[in-house]
Amino acid sequence: MASAAHDLGHAGEQAAAAFLTGLGYTIVARGYRYRRAEVDLIAQRGLELLVFVEVKTRSSAQFGFPEEFVTERKRQLFRLAAENYQLETDWPGDIRFDILALSPTSTGFRIEHFEDAFY
């Protein structure tokens, strides 16, 4: 049985994917793993840009905002996974690292999109 936190995270990832799709991105991968790294979403815009997205969903900001939970170690692993994905797919275009911070509301989620969140 899934925990409430797991269910919230899954719902957040679904909402994040819908949000990006609404902005004109195509979701090309979900839960991409390479070694110990995982990228929640990989989105593509046209033929020029591939975006590696970390989705952070928190039930409240009581212990900090969602985007504050992307540690330097997580960023290193994220970059490693992105490099491997580029090699696997022979991606010729630009890449970007984004964070989507989600907090539940009575009607869904409040979503903050941090483009170029780190390098």
Protein backbone atom coordinates (compact mmCIF):
# COMPACT_ATOMS: atom_id res chain seq x y z
CA MET A 1 0.00 0.00 0.00
CA ALA A 2 1.35 3.41 -0.97
CA SER A 3 1.92 6.06 1.68
CA ALA A 4 0.18 9.43 1.67
CA ALA A 5 3.51 11.10 0.84
CA HIS A 6 4.02 8.74 -2.12
CA ASP A 7 0.49 9.42 -3.37
CA LEU A 8 1.04 13.18 -3.05
CA GLY A 9 4.32 12.92 -4.94
CA HIS A 10 2.72 10.90 -7.73
CA ALA A 11 -0.17 13.35 -8.02
CA GLY A 12 2.35 16.20 -8.08
CA GLU A 13 4.31 14.61 -10.93
CA GLN A 14 1.09 14.12 -12.91
CA ALA A 15 0.14 17.77 -12.34
CA ALA A 16 3.65 18.90 -13.29
CA ALA A 17 3.52 16.93 -16.55
CA ALA A 18 0.11 18.44 -17.38
CA PHE A 19 1.45 21.91 -16.57
CA LEU A 20 4.42 21.51 -18.91
CA THR A 21 2.25 20.04 -21.66
CA GLY A 22 0.01 23.08 -21.34
CA LEU A 23 3.06 25.28 -21.93
CA GLY A 24 3.81 23.48 -25.19
CA TYR A 25 6.35 20.91 -24.00
CA THR A 26 6.23 17.23 -24.92
CA ILE A 27 7.00 14.80 -22.09
CA VAL A 28 9.55 12.35 -23.50
CA ALA A 29 10.42 10.45 -20.31
CA ARG A 30 9.18 9.98 -16.76
CA GLY A 31 11.23 8.59 -13.90
CA TYR A 32 14.39 8.27 -15.98
CA ARG A 33 17.08 6.46 -14.00
CA TYR A 34 20.81 6.23 -14.42
CA ARG A 35 22.77 4.53 -11.66
CA ARG A 36 21.67 6.26 -8.43
CA ALA A 37 20.18 9.26 -10.21
CA GLU A 38 16.57 9.83 -11.20
CA VAL A 39 15.02 12.59 -13.29
CA ASP A 40 11.31 12.99 -12.62
CA LEU A 41 10.40 14.38 -16.05
CA ILE A 42 12.23 15.01 -19.28
CA ALA A 43 10.41 17.46 -21.52
CA GLN A 44 11.18 18.63 -25.01
CA ARG A 45 10.26 21.90 -26.67
CA GLY A 46 10.59 21.70 -30.43
CA LEU A 47 13.82 20.30 -31.77
CA GLU A 48 16.05 22.71 -29.90
CA LEU A 49 15.52 22.27 -26.15
CA LEU A 50 15.47 19.34 -23.75
CA VAL A 51 14.48 20.14 -20.16
CA PHE A 52 15.35 17.91 -17.20
CA VAL A 53 12.78 18.56 -14.51
CA GLU A 54 12.92 17.91 -10.77
CA VAL A 55 9.42 17.89 -9.31
CA LYS A 56 9.17 18.74 -5.62
CA THR A 57 5.80 18.40 -3.95
CA ARG A 58 5.27 19.25 -0.28
CA SER A 59 2.07 19.15 1.71
CA SER A 60 3.00 22.44 3.40
CA ALA A 61 5.83 24.96 3.68
CA GLN A 62 6.10 24.34 7.42
CA PHE A 63 9.58 22.84 7.08
CA GLY A 64 10.64 24.82 4.02
CA PHE A 65 9.59 25.41 0.46
CA PRO A 66 9.68 22.51 -2.02
CA GLU A 67 12.43 24.01 -4.17
CA GLU A 68 14.72 24.22 -1.12
CA PHE A 69 14.90 20.43 -0.96
CA VAL A 70 17.03 20.04 -4.09
CA THR A 71 20.43 19.50 -2.50
CA GLU A 72 23.80 19.91 -4.19
CA ARG A 73 24.20 16.11 -4.20
CA LYS A 74 20.84 15.77 -5.93
CA ARG A 75 21.94 18.34 -8.50
CA GLN A 76 25.15 16.40 -9.17
CA LEU A 77 23.23 13.18 -9.70
CA PHE A 78 20.72 15.02 -11.86
CA ARG A 79 23.50 16.33 -14.12
CA LEU A 80 24.99 12.83 -14.37
CA ALA A 81 21.64 11.38 -15.47
CA ALA A 82 21.17 14.21 -17.97
CA GLU A 83 24.60 13.60 -19.50
CA ASN A 84 23.83 9.90 -19.86
CA TYR A 85 20.41 10.57 -21.40
CA GLN A 86 22.03 12.89 -23.95
CA LEU A 87 24.51 10.15 -24.88
CA GLU A 88 21.80 7.48 -25.09
CA THR A 89 19.60 9.58 -27.35
CA ASP A 90 22.35 11.43 -29.23
CA TRP A 91 20.64 14.71 -28.32
CA PRO A 92 22.15 17.54 -30.43
CA GLY A 93 20.30 20.51 -28.93
CA ASP A 94 20.43 22.62 -25.81
CA ILE A 95 19.49 21.40 -22.34
CA ARG A 96 18.14 23.11 -19.25
CA PHE A 97 17.52 22.10 -15.64
CA ASP A 98 14.21 23.20 -14.12
CA ILE A 99 12.49 22.72 -10.79
CA LEU A 100 8.74 22.58 -10.46
CA ALA A 101 7.67 23.24 -6.87
CA LEU A 102 4.14 22.12 -6.07
CA SER A 103 1.95 22.70 -3.05
CA PRO A 104 -1.58 21.31 -2.82
CA THR A 105 -4.55 23.66 -2.83
CA SER A 106 -8.27 23.03 -2.50
CA THR A 107 -8.55 22.83 -6.30
CA GLY A 108 -5.31 21.04 -7.25
CA PHE A 109 -1.79 22.38 -6.94
CA ARG A 110 -0.03 25.71 -6.81
CA ILE A 111 2.89 25.35 -9.22
CA GLU A 112 6.03 27.46 -9.31
CA HIS A 113 8.31 26.93 -12.30
CA PHE A 114 12.00 27.70 -11.80
CA GLU A 115 13.62 27.70 -15.24
CA ASP A 116 17.40 27.31 -15.40
CA ALA A 117 17.33 26.46 -11.70
CA PHE A 118 20.91 25.17 -11.72
CA TYR A 119 23.75 24.14 -14.03
